[in-house]
């Protein structure tokens, strides 16, 4: 997404440091990741400001990102598509938080269903970044730890009467469960296409 800008900055850094090609690639990667992260943070805050719900979107992301890191799920083909999809997702989440207040029955059902799906399906690897057996076990364990911690936070918030905050955490878990299902479907379709091609 920031390849041209990152390339120029990396070239300037490499030249000023008399660095080799390997160092230049390292600079490039770090700069691209930093700029992408900065854009995502700014975008998240802007969306939160537009809806007048900054803390809600920050709480959602604080719950979503750790789970997403270990659970995996569907990924966009390009950084640009990923960004657009992320923006649409954040807007959708803000709309749900703003205009929908689940009953306890709905809240409990959504949590149980989402948590079970995550516990059973994760991690869902991306075809471009396959996981070996050891990585699979490690990611599964870390997913369980993060999910357990978030479960405690979610229900403490709910029982203390902070239902909107609890709903933000629930949405992170629910969205992640959907991402896992979509990731599995995408992987299945790609495998089917490969078999047909061969």
N, C-alpha and C. Protein backbone atom coordinates (compact mmCIF):
# COMPACT_ATOMS: atom_id res chain seq x y z
N UNK A 1 0.83 -1.21 0.00
CA UNK A 1 0.00 0.00 0.00
C UNK A 1 0.86 1.26 0.00
N UNK A 2 1.99 1.20 0.68
CA UNK A 2 2.89 2.33 0.77
C UNK A 2 4.23 2.02 0.12
N UNK A 3 4.21 1.20 -0.92
CA UNK A 3 5.46 0.69 -1.50
C UNK A 3 6.37 1.79 -2.02
N UNK A 4 5.82 2.79 -2.72
CA UNK A 4 6.66 3.86 -3.28
C UNK A 4 7.28 4.72 -2.20
N UNK A 5 6.44 5.16 -1.25
CA UNK A 5 6.94 6.01 -0.17
C UNK A 5 7.95 5.23 0.68
N UNK A 6 7.59 3.98 1.00
CA UNK A 6 8.48 3.15 1.83
C UNK A 6 9.80 2.91 1.11
N UNK A 7 9.74 2.70 -0.20
CA UNK A 7 10.95 2.47 -0.98
C UNK A 7 11.89 3.66 -0.95
N UNK A 8 11.33 4.85 -1.08
CA UNK A 8 12.16 6.06 -1.06
C UNK A 8 12.82 6.27 0.31
N UNK A 9 12.02 6.06 1.38
CA UNK A 9 12.57 6.23 2.72
C UNK A 9 13.64 5.17 2.98
N UNK A 10 13.37 3.93 2.57
CA UNK A 10 14.34 2.84 2.77
C UNK A 10 15.62 3.10 2.00
N UNK A 11 15.49 3.62 0.77
CA UNK A 11 16.68 3.95 -0.03
C UNK A 11 17.51 5.02 0.66
N UNK A 12 16.82 6.04 1.18
CA UNK A 12 17.53 7.14 1.85
C UNK A 12 18.24 6.64 3.11
N UNK A 13 17.56 5.79 3.88
CA UNK A 13 18.16 5.24 5.09
C UNK A 13 19.35 4.35 4.77
N UNK A 14 19.16 3.48 3.78
CA UNK A 14 20.24 2.57 3.39
C UNK A 14 21.46 3.34 2.90
N UNK A 15 21.20 4.41 2.14
CA UNK A 15 22.30 5.22 1.60
C UNK A 15 23.03 5.96 2.72
N UNK A 16 22.27 6.51 3.66
CA UNK A 16 22.89 7.27 4.75
C UNK A 16 23.68 6.37 5.70
N UNK A 17 23.26 5.09 5.78
CA UNK A 17 23.93 4.14 6.67
C UNK A 17 24.96 3.26 5.95
N UNK A 18 25.11 3.50 4.63
CA UNK A 18 25.97 2.64 3.80
C UNK A 18 25.61 1.16 3.98
N UNK A 19 24.30 0.90 3.99
CA UNK A 19 23.81 -0.45 4.26
C UNK A 19 23.79 -1.29 3.00
N UNK A 20 23.80 -2.61 3.20
CA UNK A 20 23.74 -3.52 2.06
C UNK A 20 22.28 -3.75 1.65
N UNK A 21 22.08 -4.57 0.61
CA UNK A 21 20.74 -4.82 0.08
C UNK A 21 19.83 -5.48 1.12
N UNK A 22 20.41 -6.36 1.93
CA UNK A 22 19.62 -7.03 2.95
C UNK A 22 19.07 -6.06 3.98
N UNK A 23 19.90 -5.11 4.38
CA UNK A 23 19.45 -4.11 5.35
C UNK A 23 18.39 -3.22 4.75
N UNK A 24 18.54 -2.91 3.47
CA UNK A 24 17.55 -2.07 2.78
C UNK A 24 16.18 -2.75 2.78
N UNK A 25 16.16 -4.06 2.55
CA UNK A 25 14.89 -4.81 2.55
C UNK A 25 14.27 -4.83 3.95
N UNK A 26 15.12 -4.90 4.96
CA UNK A 26 14.64 -4.87 6.34
C UNK A 26 14.03 -3.50 6.66
N UNK A 27 14.71 -2.44 6.24
CA UNK A 27 14.17 -1.09 6.41
C UNK A 27 12.81 -0.97 5.72
N UNK A 28 12.76 -1.47 4.48
CA UNK A 28 11.55 -1.38 3.67
C UNK A 28 10.37 -2.05 4.38
N UNK A 29 10.62 -3.26 4.87
CA UNK A 29 9.56 -4.01 5.55
C UNK A 29 9.08 -3.26 6.79
N UNK A 30 10.02 -2.80 7.60
CA UNK A 30 9.67 -2.09 8.83
C UNK A 30 8.89 -0.81 8.57
N UNK A 31 9.31 -0.06 7.56
CA UNK A 31 8.64 1.20 7.22
C UNK A 31 7.23 0.94 6.71
N UNK A 32 7.09 -0.04 5.84
CA UNK A 32 5.75 -0.39 5.31
C UNK A 32 4.81 -0.80 6.43
N UNK A 33 5.31 -1.64 7.34
CA UNK A 33 4.48 -2.09 8.46
C UNK A 33 4.11 -0.93 9.36
N UNK A 34 5.06 -0.05 9.61
CA UNK A 34 4.80 1.11 10.46
C UNK A 34 3.77 2.05 9.87
N UNK A 35 3.89 2.34 8.57
CA UNK A 35 2.93 3.22 7.91
C UNK A 35 1.55 2.58 7.86
N UNK A 36 1.50 1.30 7.59
CA UNK A 36 0.21 0.60 7.55
C UNK A 36 -0.46 0.63 8.92
N UNK A 37 0.33 0.39 9.97
CA UNK A 37 -0.22 0.42 11.32
C UNK A 37 -0.73 1.81 11.68
N UNK A 38 0.04 2.84 11.30
CA UNK A 38 -0.37 4.22 11.57
C UNK A 38 -1.67 4.56 10.86
N UNK A 39 -1.78 4.13 9.60
CA UNK A 39 -3.01 4.38 8.84
C UNK A 39 -4.20 3.70 9.51
N UNK A 40 -4.01 2.47 9.94
CA UNK A 40 -5.10 1.72 10.58
C UNK A 40 -5.54 2.36 11.89
N UNK A 41 -4.57 2.84 12.66
CA UNK A 41 -4.91 3.51 13.93
C UNK A 41 -5.68 4.79 13.67
N UNK A 42 -5.18 5.60 12.74
CA UNK A 42 -5.85 6.86 12.41
C UNK A 42 -7.26 6.60 11.88
N UNK A 43 -7.39 5.62 11.00
CA UNK A 43 -8.70 5.29 10.43
C UNK A 43 -9.68 4.85 11.51
N UNK A 44 -9.20 4.01 12.41
CA UNK A 44 -10.05 3.54 13.51
C UNK A 44 -10.54 4.71 14.36
N UNK A 45 -9.63 5.63 14.70
CA UNK A 45 -10.01 6.78 15.52
C UNK A 45 -10.96 7.71 14.78
N UNK A 46 -10.73 7.91 13.49
CA UNK A 46 -11.61 8.78 12.69
C UNK A 46 -13.02 8.20 12.64
N UNK A 47 -13.13 6.91 12.41
CA UNK A 47 -14.45 6.26 12.38
C UNK A 47 -15.12 6.39 13.74
N UNK A 48 -14.34 6.18 14.80
CA UNK A 48 -14.89 6.35 16.14
C UNK A 48 -15.38 7.76 16.39
N UNK A 49 -14.62 8.75 15.93
CA UNK A 49 -15.02 10.16 16.10
C UNK A 49 -16.27 10.48 15.30
N UNK A 50 -16.36 9.96 14.08
CA UNK A 50 -17.52 10.22 13.23
C UNK A 50 -18.80 9.69 13.86
N UNK A 51 -18.70 8.56 14.55
CA UNK A 51 -19.87 7.97 15.20
C UNK A 51 -20.04 8.46 16.64
N UNK A 52 -19.04 9.21 17.13
CA UNK A 52 -19.09 9.65 18.52
C UNK A 52 -18.91 8.48 19.47
N UNK A 53 -18.15 7.47 19.04
CA UNK A 53 -18.00 6.24 19.82
C UNK A 53 -16.54 5.77 19.77
N UNK A 54 -15.64 6.62 20.22
CA UNK A 54 -14.21 6.30 20.13
C UNK A 54 -13.83 5.14 21.05
N UNK A 55 -14.23 5.21 22.32
CA UNK A 55 -13.81 4.16 23.25
C UNK A 55 -14.37 2.80 22.87
N UNK A 56 -15.58 2.82 22.28
CA UNK A 56 -16.18 1.54 21.88
C UNK A 56 -15.38 0.86 20.77
N UNK A 57 -14.97 1.63 19.78
CA UNK A 57 -14.22 1.03 18.66
C UNK A 57 -12.81 0.64 19.11
N UNK A 58 -12.24 1.42 20.02
CA UNK A 58 -10.91 1.08 20.55
C UNK A 58 -11.00 -0.21 21.36
N UNK A 59 -12.04 -0.37 22.15
CA UNK A 59 -12.22 -1.59 22.95
C UNK A 59 -12.45 -2.79 22.03
N UNK A 60 -13.25 -2.61 20.99
CA UNK A 60 -13.47 -3.69 20.02
C UNK A 60 -12.14 -4.14 19.42
N UNK A 61 -11.34 -3.19 18.97
CA UNK A 61 -10.06 -3.52 18.35
C UNK A 61 -9.09 -4.16 19.34
N UNK A 62 -9.13 -3.68 20.60
CA UNK A 62 -8.25 -4.24 21.62
C UNK A 62 -8.58 -5.71 21.89
N UNK A 63 -9.84 -6.07 21.73
CA UNK A 63 -10.25 -7.46 21.89
C UNK A 63 -10.04 -8.26 20.60
N UNK A 64 -10.25 -7.62 19.48
CA UNK A 64 -10.21 -8.31 18.18
C UNK A 64 -8.79 -8.66 17.72
N UNK A 65 -7.87 -7.71 17.84
CA UNK A 65 -6.52 -7.90 17.29
C UNK A 65 -5.77 -9.08 17.91
N UNK A 66 -5.76 -9.25 19.24
CA UNK A 66 -5.03 -10.41 19.80
C UNK A 66 -5.61 -11.74 19.32
N UNK A 67 -6.93 -11.83 19.27
CA UNK A 67 -7.56 -13.07 18.80
C UNK A 67 -7.25 -13.31 17.33
N UNK A 68 -7.35 -12.26 16.55
CA UNK A 68 -7.09 -12.37 15.11
C UNK A 68 -5.65 -12.83 14.85
N UNK A 69 -4.72 -12.35 15.67
CA UNK A 69 -3.32 -12.69 15.49
C UNK A 69 -3.06 -14.19 15.60
N UNK A 70 -3.79 -14.85 16.49
CA UNK A 70 -3.57 -16.27 16.72
C UNK A 70 -4.59 -17.18 16.03
N UNK A 71 -5.81 -16.67 15.84
CA UNK A 71 -6.86 -17.50 15.23
C UNK A 71 -6.73 -17.60 13.71
N UNK A 72 -6.26 -16.52 13.10
CA UNK A 72 -6.21 -16.50 11.64
C UNK A 72 -7.59 -16.20 11.07
N UNK A 73 -7.91 -16.88 9.97
CA UNK A 73 -9.19 -16.63 9.30
C UNK A 73 -8.97 -16.12 7.90
N UNK A 74 -10.04 -15.63 7.31
CA UNK A 74 -9.97 -15.16 5.93
C UNK A 74 -9.11 -13.91 5.82
N UNK A 75 -8.35 -13.81 4.72
CA UNK A 75 -7.52 -12.63 4.46
C UNK A 75 -7.78 -12.14 3.04
N UNK A 76 -7.71 -10.81 2.86
CA UNK A 76 -7.87 -10.24 1.53
C UNK A 76 -6.61 -10.50 0.70
N UNK A 77 -6.78 -10.46 -0.62
CA UNK A 77 -5.66 -10.75 -1.51
C UNK A 77 -4.61 -9.64 -1.53
N UNK A 78 -5.06 -8.40 -1.38
CA UNK A 78 -4.14 -7.26 -1.45
C UNK A 78 -4.30 -6.36 -0.22
N UNK A 79 -3.27 -5.58 0.12
CA UNK A 79 -3.38 -4.64 1.25
C UNK A 79 -4.52 -3.63 1.06
N UNK A 80 -4.75 -3.23 -0.19
CA UNK A 80 -5.81 -2.27 -0.46
C UNK A 80 -7.19 -2.86 -0.14
N UNK A 81 -7.40 -4.10 -0.57
CA UNK A 81 -8.67 -4.77 -0.27
C UNK A 81 -8.83 -4.99 1.23
N UNK A 82 -7.73 -5.33 1.88
CA UNK A 82 -7.74 -5.53 3.32
C UNK A 82 -8.17 -4.25 4.03
N UNK A 83 -7.62 -3.13 3.58
CA UNK A 83 -7.95 -1.84 4.20
C UNK A 83 -9.43 -1.50 4.02
N UNK A 84 -9.92 -1.66 2.79
CA UNK A 84 -11.34 -1.35 2.50
C UNK A 84 -12.25 -2.25 3.33
N UNK A 85 -11.91 -3.54 3.37
CA UNK A 85 -12.70 -4.49 4.15
C UNK A 85 -12.69 -4.11 5.63
N UNK A 86 -11.53 -3.71 6.14
CA UNK A 86 -11.41 -3.32 7.55
C UNK A 86 -12.27 -2.09 7.87
N UNK A 87 -12.26 -1.12 6.96
CA UNK A 87 -13.07 0.09 7.14
C UNK A 87 -14.56 -0.27 7.20
N UNK A 88 -15.00 -1.11 6.26
CA UNK A 88 -16.40 -1.54 6.23
C UNK A 88 -16.77 -2.32 7.49
N UNK A 89 -15.84 -3.15 7.94
CA UNK A 89 -16.08 -3.92 9.16
C UNK A 89 -16.25 -3.01 10.36
N UNK A 90 -15.36 -2.02 10.50
CA UNK A 90 -15.43 -1.10 11.63
C UNK A 90 -16.72 -0.28 11.61
N UNK A 91 -17.11 0.16 10.44
CA UNK A 91 -18.37 0.91 10.31
C UNK A 91 -19.54 0.02 10.71
N UNK A 92 -19.52 -1.23 10.25
CA UNK A 92 -20.58 -2.16 10.60
C UNK A 92 -20.66 -2.40 12.10
N UNK A 93 -19.51 -2.56 12.72
CA UNK A 93 -19.46 -2.78 14.17
C UNK A 93 -20.02 -1.57 14.91
N UNK A 94 -19.63 -0.37 14.50
CA UNK A 94 -20.14 0.84 15.15
C UNK A 94 -21.66 0.95 15.02
N UNK A 95 -22.18 0.60 13.84
CA UNK A 95 -23.63 0.66 13.63
C UNK A 95 -24.36 -0.33 14.54
N UNK A 96 -23.80 -1.52 14.67
CA UNK A 96 -24.43 -2.54 15.53
C UNK A 96 -24.42 -2.07 16.99
N UNK A 97 -23.28 -1.56 17.44
CA UNK A 97 -23.18 -1.09 18.83
C UNK A 97 -24.15 0.06 19.08
N UNK A 98 -24.25 0.95 18.11
CA UNK A 98 -25.07 2.16 18.26
C UNK A 98 -26.57 1.87 18.27
N UNK A 99 -26.99 0.93 17.42
CA UNK A 99 -28.42 0.75 17.22
C UNK A 99 -29.00 -0.57 17.70
N UNK A 100 -28.17 -1.42 18.30
CA UNK A 100 -28.71 -2.72 18.74
C UNK A 100 -28.25 -3.02 20.16
N UNK A 101 -29.21 -3.37 21.00
CA UNK A 101 -28.90 -3.77 22.37
C UNK A 101 -29.46 -5.18 22.57
N UNK A 102 -28.60 -6.18 22.61
CA UNK A 102 -29.09 -7.56 22.70
C UNK A 102 -29.69 -7.88 24.06
N UNK A 103 -30.68 -8.76 24.06
CA UNK A 103 -31.21 -9.27 25.31
C UNK A 103 -30.16 -10.22 25.90
N UNK A 104 -30.34 -10.59 27.15
CA UNK A 104 -29.38 -11.50 27.79
C UNK A 104 -29.33 -12.84 27.05
N UNK A 105 -30.50 -13.31 26.62
CA UNK A 105 -30.56 -14.60 25.92
C UNK A 105 -29.76 -14.56 24.63
N UNK A 106 -29.92 -13.48 23.87
CA UNK A 106 -29.18 -13.32 22.62
C UNK A 106 -27.70 -13.18 22.90
N UNK A 107 -27.36 -12.38 23.91
CA UNK A 107 -25.97 -12.15 24.29
C UNK A 107 -25.29 -13.48 24.64
N UNK A 108 -25.94 -14.25 25.51
CA UNK A 108 -25.38 -15.53 25.97
C UNK A 108 -25.24 -16.52 24.82
N UNK A 109 -26.27 -16.61 23.99
CA UNK A 109 -26.25 -17.54 22.85
C UNK A 109 -25.14 -17.18 21.87
N UNK A 110 -25.02 -15.88 21.57
CA UNK A 110 -23.99 -15.42 20.64
C UNK A 110 -22.60 -15.70 21.18
N UNK A 111 -22.42 -15.49 22.49
CA UNK A 111 -21.11 -15.75 23.08
C UNK A 111 -20.76 -17.24 23.02
N UNK A 112 -21.68 -18.09 23.47
CA UNK A 112 -21.41 -19.53 23.50
C UNK A 112 -21.10 -20.05 22.09
N UNK A 113 -21.93 -19.68 21.12
CA UNK A 113 -21.73 -20.14 19.75
C UNK A 113 -20.38 -19.67 19.19
N UNK A 114 -20.07 -18.39 19.39
CA UNK A 114 -18.82 -17.82 18.87
C UNK A 114 -17.61 -18.44 19.54
N UNK A 115 -17.65 -18.58 20.86
CA UNK A 115 -16.52 -19.13 21.61
C UNK A 115 -16.26 -20.59 21.22
N UNK A 116 -17.33 -21.36 21.05
CA UNK A 116 -17.18 -22.77 20.66
C UNK A 116 -16.57 -22.86 19.27
N UNK A 117 -17.04 -22.03 18.34
CA UNK A 117 -16.49 -22.04 16.98
C UNK A 117 -15.00 -21.71 16.98
N UNK A 118 -14.62 -20.71 17.76
CA UNK A 118 -13.21 -20.33 17.84
C UNK A 118 -12.38 -21.46 18.45
N UNK A 119 -12.88 -22.04 19.54
CA UNK A 119 -12.15 -23.12 20.21
C UNK A 119 -11.97 -24.33 19.31
N UNK A 120 -12.98 -24.63 18.50
CA UNK A 120 -12.94 -25.82 17.63
C UNK A 120 -12.16 -25.57 16.34
N UNK A 121 -12.38 -24.42 15.71
CA UNK A 121 -11.85 -24.18 14.36
C UNK A 121 -10.44 -23.59 14.32
N UNK A 122 -10.07 -22.82 15.31
CA UNK A 122 -8.79 -22.10 15.24
C UNK A 122 -7.61 -23.05 15.42
N UNK A 123 -6.46 -22.71 14.86
CA UNK A 123 -6.26 -21.59 13.92
C UNK A 123 -6.57 -21.99 12.49
N UNK A 124 -7.07 -21.02 11.72
CA UNK A 124 -7.32 -21.23 10.29
C UNK A 124 -6.21 -20.51 9.54
N UNK A 125 -5.36 -21.29 8.89
CA UNK A 125 -4.20 -20.72 8.22
C UNK A 125 -4.55 -20.12 6.88
N UNK A 126 -3.70 -19.20 6.45
CA UNK A 126 -3.80 -18.63 5.11
C UNK A 126 -2.95 -19.48 4.17
N UNK A 127 -3.42 -19.75 2.94
CA UNK A 127 -2.64 -20.55 1.99
C UNK A 127 -1.23 -20.02 1.76
N UNK A 128 -1.06 -18.69 1.87
CA UNK A 128 0.26 -18.08 1.67
C UNK A 128 1.17 -18.22 2.88
N UNK A 129 0.57 -18.55 4.04
CA UNK A 129 1.36 -18.71 5.27
C UNK A 129 0.92 -19.97 6.00
N UNK A 130 1.21 -21.14 5.44
CA UNK A 130 0.79 -22.39 6.09
C UNK A 130 1.49 -22.60 7.42
N UNK A 131 0.81 -23.27 8.33
CA UNK A 131 1.36 -23.55 9.66
C UNK A 131 1.79 -25.01 9.72
N UNK A 132 2.97 -25.25 10.34
CA UNK A 132 3.36 -26.63 10.56
C UNK A 132 2.67 -27.14 11.83
N UNK A 133 2.92 -28.37 12.19
CA UNK A 133 2.22 -29.00 13.31
C UNK A 133 2.51 -28.29 14.63
N UNK A 134 3.75 -27.91 14.84
CA UNK A 134 4.13 -27.22 16.09
C UNK A 134 3.46 -25.85 16.17
N UNK A 135 3.52 -25.09 15.08
CA UNK A 135 2.88 -23.76 15.04
C UNK A 135 1.38 -23.88 15.28
N UNK A 136 0.77 -24.91 14.71
CA UNK A 136 -0.66 -25.12 14.88
C UNK A 136 -1.00 -25.30 16.37
N UNK A 137 -0.21 -26.12 17.06
CA UNK A 137 -0.45 -26.34 18.49
C UNK A 137 -0.23 -25.08 19.30
N UNK A 138 0.84 -24.35 18.98
CA UNK A 138 1.16 -23.11 19.71
C UNK A 138 0.06 -22.08 19.52
N UNK A 139 -0.39 -21.88 18.29
CA UNK A 139 -1.44 -20.91 18.01
C UNK A 139 -2.76 -21.31 18.67
N UNK A 140 -3.03 -22.61 18.69
CA UNK A 140 -4.25 -23.10 19.33
C UNK A 140 -4.22 -22.79 20.83
N UNK A 141 -3.08 -23.03 21.45
CA UNK A 141 -2.93 -22.77 22.88
C UNK A 141 -3.06 -21.28 23.18
N UNK A 142 -2.41 -20.46 22.37
CA UNK A 142 -2.48 -19.01 22.60
C UNK A 142 -3.89 -18.48 22.37
N UNK A 143 -4.57 -19.04 21.39
CA UNK A 143 -5.96 -18.65 21.15
C UNK A 143 -6.80 -18.94 22.38
N UNK A 144 -6.61 -20.13 22.96
CA UNK A 144 -7.37 -20.52 24.15
C UNK A 144 -7.09 -19.57 25.32
N UNK A 145 -5.83 -19.19 25.49
CA UNK A 145 -5.45 -18.28 26.59
C UNK A 145 -6.11 -16.91 26.41
N UNK A 146 -6.02 -16.37 25.18
CA UNK A 146 -6.61 -15.05 24.90
C UNK A 146 -8.12 -15.10 25.05
N UNK A 147 -8.74 -16.15 24.51
CA UNK A 147 -10.19 -16.28 24.59
C UNK A 147 -10.65 -16.41 26.04
N UNK A 148 -9.92 -17.15 26.84
CA UNK A 148 -10.26 -17.30 28.27
C UNK A 148 -10.18 -15.95 28.98
N UNK A 149 -9.10 -15.21 28.73
CA UNK A 149 -8.94 -13.89 29.35
C UNK A 149 -10.06 -12.95 28.93
N UNK A 150 -10.42 -12.97 27.66
CA UNK A 150 -11.47 -12.09 27.18
C UNK A 150 -12.84 -12.50 27.72
N UNK A 151 -13.02 -13.80 27.92
CA UNK A 151 -14.27 -14.28 28.51
C UNK A 151 -14.44 -13.73 29.91
N UNK A 152 -13.37 -13.76 30.68
CA UNK A 152 -13.42 -13.23 32.05
C UNK A 152 -13.75 -11.73 32.02
N UNK A 153 -13.06 -10.99 31.16
CA UNK A 153 -13.29 -9.55 31.04
C UNK A 153 -14.72 -9.27 30.62
N UNK A 154 -15.19 -10.00 29.61
CA UNK A 154 -16.54 -9.80 29.08
C UNK A 154 -17.60 -9.96 30.17
N UNK A 155 -17.52 -11.07 30.92
CA UNK A 155 -18.57 -11.33 31.91
C UNK A 155 -18.44 -10.46 33.15
N UNK A 156 -17.24 -10.06 33.49
CA UNK A 156 -17.08 -9.10 34.60
C UNK A 156 -17.72 -7.78 34.22
N UNK A 157 -17.45 -7.31 33.00
CA UNK A 157 -18.06 -6.06 32.53
C UNK A 157 -19.59 -6.17 32.52
N UNK A 158 -20.08 -7.28 32.02
CA UNK A 158 -21.54 -7.46 31.93
C UNK A 158 -22.18 -7.48 33.32
N UNK A 159 -21.60 -8.24 34.23
CA UNK A 159 -22.18 -8.37 35.57
C UNK A 159 -22.07 -7.07 36.37
N UNK A 160 -21.08 -6.24 36.04
CA UNK A 160 -20.95 -4.94 36.70
C UNK A 160 -21.84 -3.88 36.08
N UNK A 161 -22.56 -4.26 35.04
CA UNK A 161 -23.51 -3.33 34.42
C UNK A 161 -22.96 -2.55 33.24
N UNK A 162 -21.73 -2.83 32.84
CA UNK A 162 -21.14 -2.15 31.68
C UNK A 162 -21.46 -2.95 30.41
N UNK A 163 -22.74 -2.95 30.07
CA UNK A 163 -23.21 -3.85 29.02
C UNK A 163 -22.71 -3.45 27.63
N UNK A 164 -22.56 -2.16 27.38
CA UNK A 164 -22.04 -1.73 26.08
C UNK A 164 -20.60 -2.17 25.90
N UNK A 165 -19.80 -2.02 26.95
CA UNK A 165 -18.40 -2.46 26.90
C UNK A 165 -18.33 -3.97 26.69
N UNK A 166 -19.17 -4.71 27.41
CA UNK A 166 -19.21 -6.17 27.25
C UNK A 166 -19.62 -6.53 25.83
N UNK A 167 -20.55 -5.78 25.26
CA UNK A 167 -21.02 -6.03 23.89
C UNK A 167 -19.89 -5.81 22.87
N UNK A 168 -19.04 -4.82 23.13
CA UNK A 168 -17.89 -4.57 22.25
C UNK A 168 -16.97 -5.79 22.20
N UNK A 169 -16.71 -6.38 23.37
CA UNK A 169 -15.86 -7.57 23.43
C UNK A 169 -16.55 -8.75 22.76
N UNK A 170 -17.86 -8.89 23.02
CA UNK A 170 -18.61 -9.97 22.38
C UNK A 170 -18.55 -9.87 20.87
N UNK A 171 -18.69 -8.66 20.33
CA UNK A 171 -18.65 -8.48 18.88
C UNK A 171 -17.29 -8.89 18.31
N UNK A 172 -16.23 -8.63 19.05
CA UNK A 172 -14.90 -9.05 18.59
C UNK A 172 -14.83 -10.56 18.47
N UNK A 173 -15.36 -11.26 19.47
CA UNK A 173 -15.36 -12.73 19.45
C UNK A 173 -16.27 -13.24 18.33
N UNK A 174 -17.45 -12.62 18.17
CA UNK A 174 -18.40 -13.05 17.15
C UNK A 174 -17.85 -12.83 15.74
N UNK A 175 -17.27 -11.67 15.51
CA UNK A 175 -16.70 -11.36 14.19
C UNK A 175 -15.57 -12.33 13.87
N UNK A 176 -14.75 -12.64 14.88
CA UNK A 176 -13.65 -13.59 14.66
C UNK A 176 -14.15 -14.96 14.27
N UNK A 177 -15.24 -15.41 14.88
CA UNK A 177 -15.79 -16.73 14.54
C UNK A 177 -16.25 -16.76 13.09
N UNK A 178 -16.81 -15.65 12.62
CA UNK A 178 -17.24 -15.56 11.22
C UNK A 178 -16.03 -15.57 10.30
N UNK A 179 -14.96 -14.88 10.69
CA UNK A 179 -13.73 -14.84 9.91
C UNK A 179 -13.14 -16.25 9.74
N UNK A 180 -13.23 -17.04 10.79
CA UNK A 180 -12.71 -18.41 10.72
C UNK A 180 -13.51 -19.24 9.73
N UNK A 181 -14.83 -19.11 9.78
CA UNK A 181 -15.68 -19.85 8.85
C UNK A 181 -15.39 -19.44 7.42
N UNK A 182 -15.28 -18.13 7.19
CA UNK A 182 -14.98 -17.63 5.84
C UNK A 182 -13.60 -18.11 5.38
N UNK A 183 -12.64 -18.14 6.32
CA UNK A 183 -11.31 -18.62 5.98
C UNK A 183 -11.32 -20.08 5.57
N UNK A 184 -12.07 -20.90 6.29
CA UNK A 184 -12.19 -22.32 5.94
C UNK A 184 -12.84 -22.51 4.57
N UNK A 185 -13.88 -21.73 4.32
CA UNK A 185 -14.57 -21.80 3.02
C UNK A 185 -13.63 -21.40 1.88
N UNK A 186 -12.88 -20.32 2.11
CA UNK A 186 -11.93 -19.86 1.09
C UNK A 186 -10.87 -20.92 0.82
N UNK A 187 -10.32 -21.52 1.87
CA UNK A 187 -9.31 -22.56 1.71
C UNK A 187 -9.86 -23.77 0.97
N UNK A 188 -11.10 -24.13 1.28
CA UNK A 188 -11.74 -25.27 0.61
C UNK A 188 -11.92 -24.99 -0.88
N UNK A 189 -12.35 -23.77 -1.21
CA UNK A 189 -12.54 -23.40 -2.62
C UNK A 189 -11.21 -23.41 -3.37
N UNK A 190 -10.16 -22.87 -2.73
CA UNK A 190 -8.84 -22.84 -3.38
C UNK A 190 -8.31 -24.26 -3.61
N UNK A 191 -8.50 -25.14 -2.63
CA UNK A 191 -8.05 -26.53 -2.78
C UNK A 191 -8.81 -27.23 -3.90
N UNK A 192 -10.12 -26.94 -3.98
CA UNK A 192 -10.94 -27.56 -5.03
C UNK A 192 -10.48 -27.10 -6.41
N UNK A 193 -10.14 -25.83 -6.52
CA UNK A 193 -9.66 -25.29 -7.80
C UNK A 193 -8.32 -25.91 -8.19
N UNK A 194 -7.44 -26.11 -7.19
CA UNK A 194 -6.14 -26.72 -7.47
C UNK A 194 -6.32 -28.15 -7.96
N UNK A 195 -7.25 -28.88 -7.36
CA UNK A 195 -7.49 -30.25 -7.78
C UNK A 195 -8.02 -30.32 -9.21
N UNK A 196 -8.92 -29.38 -9.52
CA UNK A 196 -9.48 -29.33 -10.89
C UNK A 196 -8.40 -28.96 -11.89
N UNK A 197 -7.49 -28.06 -11.50
CA UNK A 197 -6.43 -27.63 -12.41
C UNK A 197 -5.45 -28.76 -12.68
N UNK A 198 -5.24 -29.64 -11.70
CA UNK A 198 -4.32 -30.75 -11.87
C UNK A 198 -5.02 -31.93 -12.54
